[in-house]
């Protein structure tokens, strides 16, 4: 972990700690910025060590307590190493934002190469599952752990079945179905954790201009991060096991 792991230890009772996967750019970086502005110490998980540290350095110049850790959600070794680093430096984790994701679809279902479907699920679903499992022991040490799973309105089966849905023509089997699976994962973990202080929810950031869609989205990362930050900072009586955008509940 850079700035770097061994040298800095937060005092007991100091800032809350947030890990954002895919945190070196786009919605992940903006989420880190907004949480940092609220007093969180943010850890940016990034596949590329250099890019992660560059992003953390930029946040530090803004007065945010930011760190980076090399984390590829598809590689168990990097997840385990990130767990150890956060435990050694902070002893706990207060917020996990499962933001890392890919969009690989390039054909309709009948023509899509199954390897692309598998790769999509490897990152968007299995990677999220592995990171959540790995970080849970640290989240259990928090007084009020929060997990936010980055989903999409395209993962809503209800909306996908509605011909009047704004994005009804976006029938993208790999991406859409992986986000539907993310919603299912969210429900399952919420049930397991219902008697704990941990809350877990799925977030729809909307059609946001990012590298994933060649910046064709009509929303800014600042707008997209609003719902993520809201779910990451829920009060004790806030919801768990839900699916939300900035305006409220989204149908499954």
C-alpha atoms as a PDB file:
ATOM      1  CA  UNK A   1       0.000   0.000   0.000  1.00  0.00           C
ATOM      2  CA  UNK A   2       1.484   3.297  -1.002  1.00  0.00           C
ATOM      3  CA  UNK A   3       2.129   6.411   1.012  1.00  0.00           C
ATOM      4  CA  UNK A   4       3.164   3.546   1.902  1.00  0.00           C
ATOM      5  CA  UNK A   5       1.684   0.821   4.026  1.00  0.00           C
ATOM      6  CA  UNK A   6       4.194   0.366   6.767  1.00  0.00           C
ATOM      7  CA  UNK A   7       4.788   3.970   7.719  1.00  0.00           C
ATOM      8  CA  UNK A   8       1.351   5.371   8.518  1.00  0.00           C
ATOM      9  CA  UNK A   9      -1.053   4.123  11.182  1.00  0.00           C
ATOM     10  CA  UNK A  10      -4.242   5.934  12.063  1.00  0.00           C
ATOM     11  CA  UNK A  11      -4.775   6.664  15.723  1.00  0.00           C
ATOM     12  CA  UNK A  12      -7.615   4.878  17.422  1.00  0.00           C
ATOM     13  CA  UNK A  13     -10.848   6.790  16.885  1.00  0.00           C
ATOM     14  CA  UNK A  14      -9.489   8.532  13.787  1.00  0.00           C
ATOM     15  CA  UNK A  15     -10.973   8.584  10.312  1.00  0.00           C
ATOM     16  CA  UNK A  16     -13.153   5.853   8.933  1.00  0.00           C
ATOM     17  CA  UNK A  17     -11.521   3.696   6.266  1.00  0.00           C
ATOM     18  CA  UNK A  18     -12.972   3.061   2.807  1.00  0.00           C
ATOM     19  CA  UNK A  19     -11.672   0.729   0.103  1.00  0.00           C
ATOM     20  CA  UNK A  20     -12.821   1.384  -3.451  1.00  0.00           C
ATOM     21  CA  UNK A  21     -12.008  -1.257  -6.058  1.00  0.00           C
ATOM     22  CA  UNK A  22     -11.261   0.174  -9.477  1.00  0.00           C
ATOM     23  CA  UNK A  23     -10.616   3.362  -7.555  1.00  0.00           C
ATOM     24  CA  UNK A  24      -7.985   4.981  -9.741  1.00  0.00           C
ATOM     25  CA  UNK A  25     -10.384   6.491 -12.299  1.00  0.00           C
ATOM     26  CA  UNK A  26     -13.980   7.233 -13.225  1.00  0.00           C
ATOM     27  CA  UNK A  27     -16.768   6.721 -10.727  1.00  0.00           C
ATOM     28  CA  UNK A  28     -14.414   4.934  -8.338  1.00  0.00           C
ATOM     29  CA  UNK A  29     -12.029   7.865  -8.113  1.00  0.00           C
ATOM     30  CA  UNK A  30     -14.850  10.368  -7.733  1.00  0.00           C
ATOM     31  CA  UNK A  31     -16.391   8.225  -4.990  1.00  0.00           C
ATOM     32  CA  UNK A  32     -13.033   8.255  -3.214  1.00  0.00           C
ATOM     33  CA  UNK A  33     -12.859  12.030  -3.618  1.00  0.00           C
ATOM     34  CA  UNK A  34     -16.331  12.568  -2.168  1.00  0.00           C
ATOM     35  CA  UNK A  35     -15.753  10.168   0.735  1.00  0.00           C
ATOM     36  CA  UNK A  36     -12.375  11.775   1.378  1.00  0.00           C
ATOM     37  CA  UNK A  37     -14.050  15.181   1.531  1.00  0.00           C
ATOM     38  CA  UNK A  38     -16.261  13.734   4.287  1.00  0.00           C
ATOM     39  CA  UNK A  39     -13.213  12.800   6.339  1.00  0.00           C
ATOM     40  CA  UNK A  40     -12.682   9.193   5.269  1.00  0.00           C
ATOM     41  CA  UNK A  41      -9.236   7.787   4.686  1.00  0.00           C
ATOM     42  CA  UNK A  42      -9.597   6.212   1.254  1.00  0.00           C
ATOM     43  CA  UNK A  43      -7.718   3.258  -0.196  1.00  0.00           C
ATOM     44  CA  UNK A  44      -7.780   3.019  -3.982  1.00  0.00           C
ATOM     45  CA  UNK A  45      -7.676  -0.525  -5.276  1.00  0.00           C
ATOM     46  CA  UNK A  46      -6.132  -0.591  -8.748  1.00  0.00           C
ATOM     47  CA  UNK A  47      -4.847  -3.338 -11.032  1.00  0.00           C
ATOM     48  CA  UNK A  48      -1.942  -1.133 -12.065  1.00  0.00           C
ATOM     49  CA  UNK A  49       0.208  -0.154  -9.098  1.00  0.00           C
ATOM     50  CA  UNK A  50       1.561   3.003 -10.744  1.00  0.00           C
ATOM     51  CA  UNK A  51      -1.842   4.309 -11.823  1.00  0.00           C
ATOM     52  CA  UNK A  52      -3.228   3.631  -8.374  1.00  0.00           C
ATOM     53  CA  UNK A  53      -0.497   5.604  -6.675  1.00  0.00           C
ATOM     54  CA  UNK A  54      -0.800   8.455  -9.177  1.00  0.00           C
ATOM     55  CA  UNK A  55      -4.513   8.732  -8.407  1.00  0.00           C
ATOM     56  CA  UNK A  56      -3.899   8.609  -4.645  1.00  0.00           C
ATOM     57  CA  UNK A  57      -1.211  11.260  -4.970  1.00  0.00           C
ATOM     58  CA  UNK A  58      -3.635  13.527  -6.829  1.00  0.00           C
ATOM     59  CA  UNK A  59      -6.181  13.146  -4.036  1.00  0.00           C
ATOM     60  CA  UNK A  60      -3.562  13.902  -1.395  1.00  0.00           C
ATOM     61  CA  UNK A  61      -2.849  17.185  -3.179  1.00  0.00           C
ATOM     62  CA  UNK A  62      -6.531  17.991  -2.617  1.00  0.00           C
ATOM     63  CA  UNK A  63      -6.081  17.441   1.112  1.00  0.00           C
ATOM     64  CA  UNK A  64      -7.587  13.949   1.183  1.00  0.00           C
ATOM     65  CA  UNK A  65      -5.979  11.126   3.130  1.00  0.00           C
ATOM     66  CA  UNK A  66      -5.507   8.678   0.282  1.00  0.00           C
ATOM     67  CA  UNK A  67      -3.585   5.462  -0.238  1.00  0.00           C
ATOM     68  CA  UNK A  68      -3.368   2.891  -2.989  1.00  0.00           C
ATOM     69  CA  UNK A  69      -3.104  -0.860  -3.078  1.00  0.00           C
ATOM     70  CA  UNK A  70      -2.581  -3.117  -6.069  1.00  0.00           C
ATOM     71  CA  UNK A  71      -5.781  -5.102  -6.373  1.00  0.00           C
ATOM     72  CA  UNK A  72      -7.005  -7.162  -9.299  1.00  0.00           C
ATOM     73  CA  UNK A  73     -10.368  -8.615  -8.307  1.00  0.00           C
ATOM     74  CA  UNK A  74      -9.813 -11.622 -10.585  1.00  0.00           C
ATOM     75  CA  UNK A  75      -6.615 -12.668  -8.797  1.00  0.00           C
ATOM     76  CA  UNK A  76      -6.975 -14.096  -5.296  1.00  0.00           C
ATOM     77  CA  UNK A  77      -3.368 -13.331  -4.406  1.00  0.00           C
ATOM     78  CA  UNK A  78      -3.839  -9.584  -4.793  1.00  0.00           C
ATOM     79  CA  UNK A  79      -7.063  -9.702  -2.782  1.00  0.00           C
ATOM     80  CA  UNK A  80      -5.341 -11.528   0.073  1.00  0.00           C
ATOM     81  CA  UNK A  81      -2.448  -9.084  -0.020  1.00  0.00           C
ATOM     82  CA  UNK A  82      -4.816  -6.094   0.081  1.00  0.00           C
ATOM     83  CA  UNK A  83      -6.602  -7.619   3.093  1.00  0.00           C
ATOM     84  CA  UNK A  84      -3.283  -7.999   4.911  1.00  0.00           C
ATOM     85  CA  UNK A  85      -2.199  -4.467   4.070  1.00  0.00           C
ATOM     86  CA  UNK A  86      -5.413  -2.885   5.290  1.00  0.00           C
ATOM     87  CA  UNK A  87      -5.385  -5.000   8.449  1.00  0.00           C
ATOM     88  CA  UNK A  88      -1.780  -4.100   9.216  1.00  0.00           C
ATOM     89  CA  UNK A  89      -2.255  -0.399   8.566  1.00  0.00           C
ATOM     90  CA  UNK A  90      -5.767   0.252   9.843  1.00  0.00           C
ATOM     91  CA  UNK A  91      -6.867  -2.952  11.694  1.00  0.00           C
ATOM     92  CA  UNK A  92     -10.412  -2.596  10.258  1.00  0.00           C
ATOM     93  CA  UNK A  93     -12.450  -1.495   7.261  1.00  0.00           C
ATOM     94  CA  UNK A  94     -15.557   0.678   7.487  1.00  0.00           C
ATOM     95  CA  UNK A  95     -16.649   0.861   3.859  1.00  0.00           C
ATOM     96  CA  UNK A  96     -16.147  -1.409   0.866  1.00  0.00           C
ATOM     97  CA  UNK A  97     -17.192  -0.054  -2.516  1.00  0.00           C
ATOM     98  CA  UNK A  98     -17.172  -2.865  -5.078  1.00  0.00           C
ATOM     99  CA  UNK A  99     -16.737  -0.639  -8.096  1.00  0.00           C
ATOM    100  CA  UNK A 100     -14.396  -2.581 -10.405  1.00  0.00           C
ATOM    101  CA  UNK A 101     -16.136  -3.831 -13.526  1.00  0.00           C
ATOM    102  CA  UNK A 102     -15.843  -4.532 -17.236  1.00  0.00           C
ATOM    103  CA  UNK A 103     -18.021  -4.225 -20.330  1.00  0.00           C
ATOM    104  CA  UNK A 104     -16.958  -6.718 -23.004  1.00  0.00           C
ATOM    105  CA  UNK A 105     -20.105  -7.474 -25.015  1.00  0.00           C
ATOM    106  CA  UNK A 106     -19.691  -7.143 -28.773  1.00  0.00           C
ATOM    107  CA  UNK A 107     -22.551  -9.201 -30.218  1.00  0.00           C
ATOM    108  CA  UNK A 108     -26.149 -10.341 -29.569  1.00  0.00           C
ATOM    109  CA  UNK A 109     -26.625 -13.451 -27.402  1.00  0.00           C
ATOM    110  CA  UNK A 110     -26.690 -15.890 -30.322  1.00  0.00           C
ATOM    111  CA  UNK A 111     -23.330 -14.622 -31.540  1.00  0.00           C
ATOM    112  CA  UNK A 112     -21.451 -13.620 -28.406  1.00  0.00           C
ATOM    113  CA  UNK A 113     -18.273 -15.581 -27.752  1.00  0.00           C
ATOM    114  CA  UNK A 114     -18.855 -17.456 -24.509  1.00  0.00           C
ATOM    115  CA  UNK A 115     -15.339 -16.586 -23.370  1.00  0.00           C
ATOM    116  CA  UNK A 116     -16.352 -12.910 -23.196  1.00  0.00           C
ATOM    117  CA  UNK A 117     -19.363 -13.846 -21.100  1.00  0.00           C
ATOM    118  CA  UNK A 118     -17.119 -15.778 -18.717  1.00  0.00           C
ATOM    119  CA  UNK A 119     -14.612 -12.922 -18.520  1.00  0.00           C
ATOM    120  CA  UNK A 120     -17.409 -10.482 -17.742  1.00  0.00           C
ATOM    121  CA  UNK A 121     -18.686 -12.603 -14.875  1.00  0.00           C
ATOM    122  CA  UNK A 122     -15.141 -13.230 -13.651  1.00  0.00           C
ATOM    123  CA  UNK A 123     -14.732  -9.530 -12.899  1.00  0.00           C
ATOM    124  CA  UNK A 124     -18.233  -8.224 -12.338  1.00  0.00           C
ATOM    125  CA  UNK A 125     -19.558 -11.095 -10.229  1.00  0.00           C
ATOM    126  CA  UNK A 126     -16.907 -13.563  -9.062  1.00  0.00           C
ATOM    127  CA  UNK A 127     -14.394 -10.788  -8.405  1.00  0.00           C
ATOM    128  CA  UNK A 128     -16.931  -8.857  -6.354  1.00  0.00           C
ATOM    129  CA  UNK A 129     -17.825 -12.006  -4.446  1.00  0.00           C
ATOM    130  CA  UNK A 130     -14.175 -12.773  -3.669  1.00  0.00           C
ATOM    131  CA  UNK A 131     -13.359  -9.245  -2.514  1.00  0.00           C
ATOM    132  CA  UNK A 132     -16.450  -9.118  -0.296  1.00  0.00           C
ATOM    133  CA  UNK A 133     -15.593 -12.470   1.287  1.00  0.00           C
ATOM    134  CA  UNK A 134     -12.011 -11.401   1.820  1.00  0.00           C
ATOM    135  CA  UNK A 135     -12.842  -8.039   3.387  1.00  0.00           C
ATOM    136  CA  UNK A 136     -15.699  -9.223   5.613  1.00  0.00           C
ATOM    137  CA  UNK A 137     -13.517  -9.995   8.658  1.00  0.00           C
ATOM    138  CA  UNK A 138     -12.245  -6.392   8.561  1.00  0.00           C
ATOM    139  CA  UNK A 139     -15.745  -4.980   8.032  1.00  0.00           C
ATOM    140  CA  UNK A 140     -16.964  -6.931  11.051  1.00  0.00           C
ATOM    141  CA  UNK A 141     -14.480  -4.932  13.137  1.00  0.00           C
ATOM    142  CA  UNK A 142     -16.215  -1.699  12.162  1.00  0.00           C
ATOM    143  CA  UNK A 143     -18.933  -0.232  14.339  1.00  0.00           C
ATOM    144  CA  UNK A 144     -21.048   0.271  11.219  1.00  0.00           C
ATOM    145  CA  UNK A 145     -19.654  -1.489   8.166  1.00  0.00           C
ATOM    146  CA  UNK A 146     -21.077  -0.566   4.795  1.00  0.00           C
ATOM    147  CA  UNK A 147     -20.777  -2.405   1.460  1.00  0.00           C
ATOM    148  CA  UNK A 148     -21.861  -0.824  -1.815  1.00  0.00           C
ATOM    149  CA  UNK A 149     -22.013  -3.057  -4.879  1.00  0.00           C
ATOM    150  CA  UNK A 150     -21.884  -1.220  -8.178  1.00  0.00           C
ATOM    151  CA  UNK A 151     -24.802  -2.488 -10.207  1.00  0.00           C
ATOM    152  CA  UNK A 152     -26.737  -0.943 -13.101  1.00  0.00           C
ATOM    153  CA  UNK A 153     -30.299  -0.261 -14.093  1.00  0.00           C
ATOM    154  CA  UNK A 154     -29.521  -2.637 -16.952  1.00  0.00           C
ATOM    155  CA  UNK A 155     -29.399  -5.398 -14.356  1.00  0.00           C
ATOM    156  CA  UNK A 156     -33.052  -4.875 -13.440  1.00  0.00           C
ATOM    157  CA  UNK A 157     -35.152  -7.693 -14.905  1.00  0.00           C
ATOM    158  CA  UNK A 158     -38.289  -5.608 -14.396  1.00  0.00           C
ATOM    159  CA  UNK A 159     -36.902  -2.710 -16.404  1.00  0.00           C
ATOM    160  CA  UNK A 160     -35.466  -4.983 -19.085  1.00  0.00           C
ATOM    161  CA  UNK A 161     -38.916  -6.470 -19.638  1.00  0.00           C
ATOM    162  CA  UNK A 162     -40.524  -3.037 -20.027  1.00  0.00           C
ATOM    163  CA  UNK A 163     -40.597  -1.884 -23.686  1.00  0.00           C
ATOM    164  CA  UNK A 164     -40.980   1.685 -22.431  1.00  0.00           C
ATOM    165  CA  UNK A 165     -37.794   1.527 -20.353  1.00  0.00           C
ATOM    166  CA  UNK A 166     -35.389   4.276 -21.361  1.00  0.00           C
ATOM    167  CA  UNK A 167     -32.688   1.748 -22.206  1.00  0.00           C
ATOM    168  CA  UNK A 168     -34.934  -1.052 -23.444  1.00  0.00           C
ATOM    169  CA  UNK A 169     -32.796  -1.528 -26.574  1.00  0.00           C
ATOM    170  CA  UNK A 170     -29.665  -2.170 -24.525  1.00  0.00           C
ATOM    171  CA  UNK A 171     -29.980  -5.953 -24.437  1.00  0.00           C
ATOM    172  CA  UNK A 172     -26.368  -6.720 -23.531  1.00  0.00           C
ATOM    173  CA  UNK A 173     -26.351 -10.255 -22.174  1.00  0.00           C
ATOM    174  CA  UNK A 174     -22.914 -10.324 -20.594  1.00  0.00           C
ATOM    175  CA  UNK A 175     -22.963  -6.974 -18.834  1.00  0.00           C
ATOM    176  CA  UNK A 176     -26.667  -6.948 -18.008  1.00  0.00           C
ATOM    177  CA  UNK A 177     -26.803 -10.483 -16.629  1.00  0.00           C
ATOM    178  CA  UNK A 178     -23.644  -9.955 -14.575  1.00  0.00           C
ATOM    179  CA  UNK A 179     -25.306  -6.973 -12.908  1.00  0.00           C
ATOM    180  CA  UNK A 180     -28.455  -9.014 -12.289  1.00  0.00           C
ATOM    181  CA  UNK A 181     -26.179 -11.511 -10.562  1.00  0.00           C
ATOM    182  CA  UNK A 182     -24.659  -8.662  -8.526  1.00  0.00           C
ATOM    183  CA  UNK A 183     -28.159  -7.821  -7.295  1.00  0.00           C
ATOM    184  CA  UNK A 184     -28.693 -11.444  -6.275  1.00  0.00           C
ATOM    185  CA  UNK A 185     -25.348 -11.473  -4.481  1.00  0.00           C
ATOM    186  CA  UNK A 186     -26.379  -8.328  -2.610  1.00  0.00           C
ATOM    187  CA  UNK A 187     -29.593  -9.947  -1.367  1.00  0.00           C
ATOM    188  CA  UNK A 188     -27.787 -13.087  -0.251  1.00  0.00           C
ATOM    189  CA  UNK A 189     -25.115 -11.263   1.732  1.00  0.00           C
ATOM    190  CA  UNK A 190     -27.700  -8.917   3.243  1.00  0.00           C
ATOM    191  CA  UNK A 191     -29.622 -11.879   4.585  1.00  0.00           C
ATOM    192  CA  UNK A 192     -26.511 -13.435   6.081  1.00  0.00           C
ATOM    193  CA  UNK A 193     -25.487 -10.133   7.686  1.00  0.00           C
ATOM    194  CA  UNK A 194     -28.938  -8.985   8.799  1.00  0.00           C
ATOM    195  CA  UNK A 195     -28.145  -9.410  12.497  1.00  0.00           C
ATOM    196  CA  UNK A 196     -24.857  -7.503  12.277  1.00  0.00           C
ATOM    197  CA  UNK A 197     -24.006  -3.809  11.997  1.00  0.00           C
ATOM    198  CA  UNK A 198     -23.051  -4.284   8.345  1.00  0.00           C
ATOM    199  CA  UNK A 199     -25.364  -2.978   5.621  1.00  0.00           C
ATOM    200  CA  UNK A 200     -24.976  -3.968   1.970  1.00  0.00           C
ATOM    201  CA  UNK A 201     -26.792  -2.458  -0.995  1.00  0.00           C
ATOM    202  CA  UNK A 202     -26.579  -2.279  -4.779  1.00  0.00           C
ATOM    203  CA  UNK A 203     -26.197   1.078  -6.523  1.00  0.00           C
ATOM    204  CA  UNK A 204     -27.173   2.209 -10.003  1.00  0.00           C
ATOM    205  CA  UNK A 205     -24.991   5.197 -10.973  1.00  0.00           C
ATOM    206  CA  UNK A 206     -26.869   5.793 -14.234  1.00  0.00           C
ATOM    207  CA  UNK A 207     -25.487   6.125 -17.752  1.00  0.00           C
ATOM    208  CA  UNK A 208     -22.248   7.842 -16.842  1.00  0.00           C
ATOM    209  CA  UNK A 209     -19.467   9.035 -19.119  1.00  0.00           C
ATOM    210  CA  UNK A 210     -16.494   6.764 -18.325  1.00  0.00           C
ATOM    211  CA  UNK A 211     -13.796   4.824 -20.123  1.00  0.00           C
ATOM    212  CA  UNK A 212     -16.103   1.802 -20.103  1.00  0.00           C
ATOM    213  CA  UNK A 213     -18.480   3.417 -22.627  1.00  0.00           C
ATOM    214  CA  UNK A 214     -15.932   5.660 -24.375  1.00  0.00           C
ATOM    215  CA  UNK A 215     -17.383   8.592 -22.433  1.00  0.00           C
ATOM    216  CA  UNK A 216     -20.714   8.397 -24.255  1.00  0.00           C
ATOM    217  CA  UNK A 217     -22.795   8.511 -21.070  1.00  0.00           C
ATOM    218  CA  UNK A 218     -24.963  11.534 -20.360  1.00  0.00           C
ATOM    219  CA  UNK A 219     -24.093  11.792 -16.666  1.00  0.00           C
ATOM    220  CA  UNK A 220     -20.969  13.006 -14.910  1.00  0.00           C
ATOM    221  CA  UNK A 221     -18.965  10.963 -12.431  1.00  0.00           C
ATOM    222  CA  UNK A 222     -19.877  13.586  -9.829  1.00  0.00           C
ATOM    223  CA  UNK A 223     -23.565  12.782 -10.346  1.00  0.00           C
ATOM    224  CA  UNK A 224     -22.932   9.043 -10.412  1.00  0.00           C
ATOM    225  CA  UNK A 225     -21.051   9.027  -7.122  1.00  0.00           C
ATOM    226  CA  UNK A 226     -23.919  10.606  -5.189  1.00  0.00           C
ATOM    227  CA  UNK A 227     -25.860   7.369  -4.655  1.00  0.00           C
ATOM    228  CA  UNK A 228     -22.683   5.419  -3.913  1.00  0.00           C
ATOM    229  CA  UNK A 229     -21.613   7.843  -1.201  1.00  0.00           C
ATOM    230  CA  UNK A 230     -25.136   7.930   0.231  1.00  0.00           C
ATOM    231  CA  UNK A 231     -25.186   4.146   0.596  1.00  0.00           C
ATOM    232  CA  UNK A 232     -21.645   4.134   1.963  1.00  0.00           C
ATOM    233  CA  UNK A 233     -22.641   6.507   4.753  1.00  0.00           C
ATOM    234  CA  UNK A 234     -26.053   5.149   5.733  1.00  0.00           C
ATOM    235  CA  UNK A 235     -27.211   5.748   9.297  1.00  0.00           C
ATOM    236  CA  UNK A 236     -27.894   2.838  11.646  1.00  0.00           C
ATOM    237  CA  UNK A 237     -31.557   2.754  10.617  1.00  0.00           C
ATOM    238  CA  UNK A 238     -30.760   2.784   6.899  1.00  0.00           C
ATOM    239  CA  UNK A 239     -31.784   0.021   4.477  1.00  0.00           C
ATOM    240  CA  UNK A 240     -29.890  -3.137   3.621  1.00  0.00           C
ATOM    241  CA  UNK A 241     -30.349  -5.614   0.788  1.00  0.00           C
ATOM    242  CA  UNK A 242     -31.791  -2.989  -1.546  1.00  0.00           C
ATOM    243  CA  UNK A 243     -31.204  -1.624  -5.044  1.00  0.00           C
ATOM    244  CA  UNK A 244     -31.090   2.160  -5.387  1.00  0.00           C
ATOM    245  CA  UNK A 245     -30.279   5.065  -7.632  1.00  0.00           C
ATOM    246  CA  UNK A 246     -30.086   8.648  -6.417  1.00  0.00           C
ATOM    247  CA  UNK A 247     -33.881   8.981  -6.614  1.00  0.00           C
ATOM    248  CA  UNK A 248     -34.751   5.906  -4.589  1.00  0.00           C
ATOM    249  CA  UNK A 249     -35.567   2.230  -4.990  1.00  0.00           C
ATOM    250  CA  UNK A 250     -35.111   0.470  -8.340  1.00  0.00           C
ATOM    251  CA  UNK A 251     -37.227  -2.623  -9.105  1.00  0.00           C
ATOM    252  CA  UNK A 252     -35.394  -5.946  -9.269  1.00  0.00           C
END
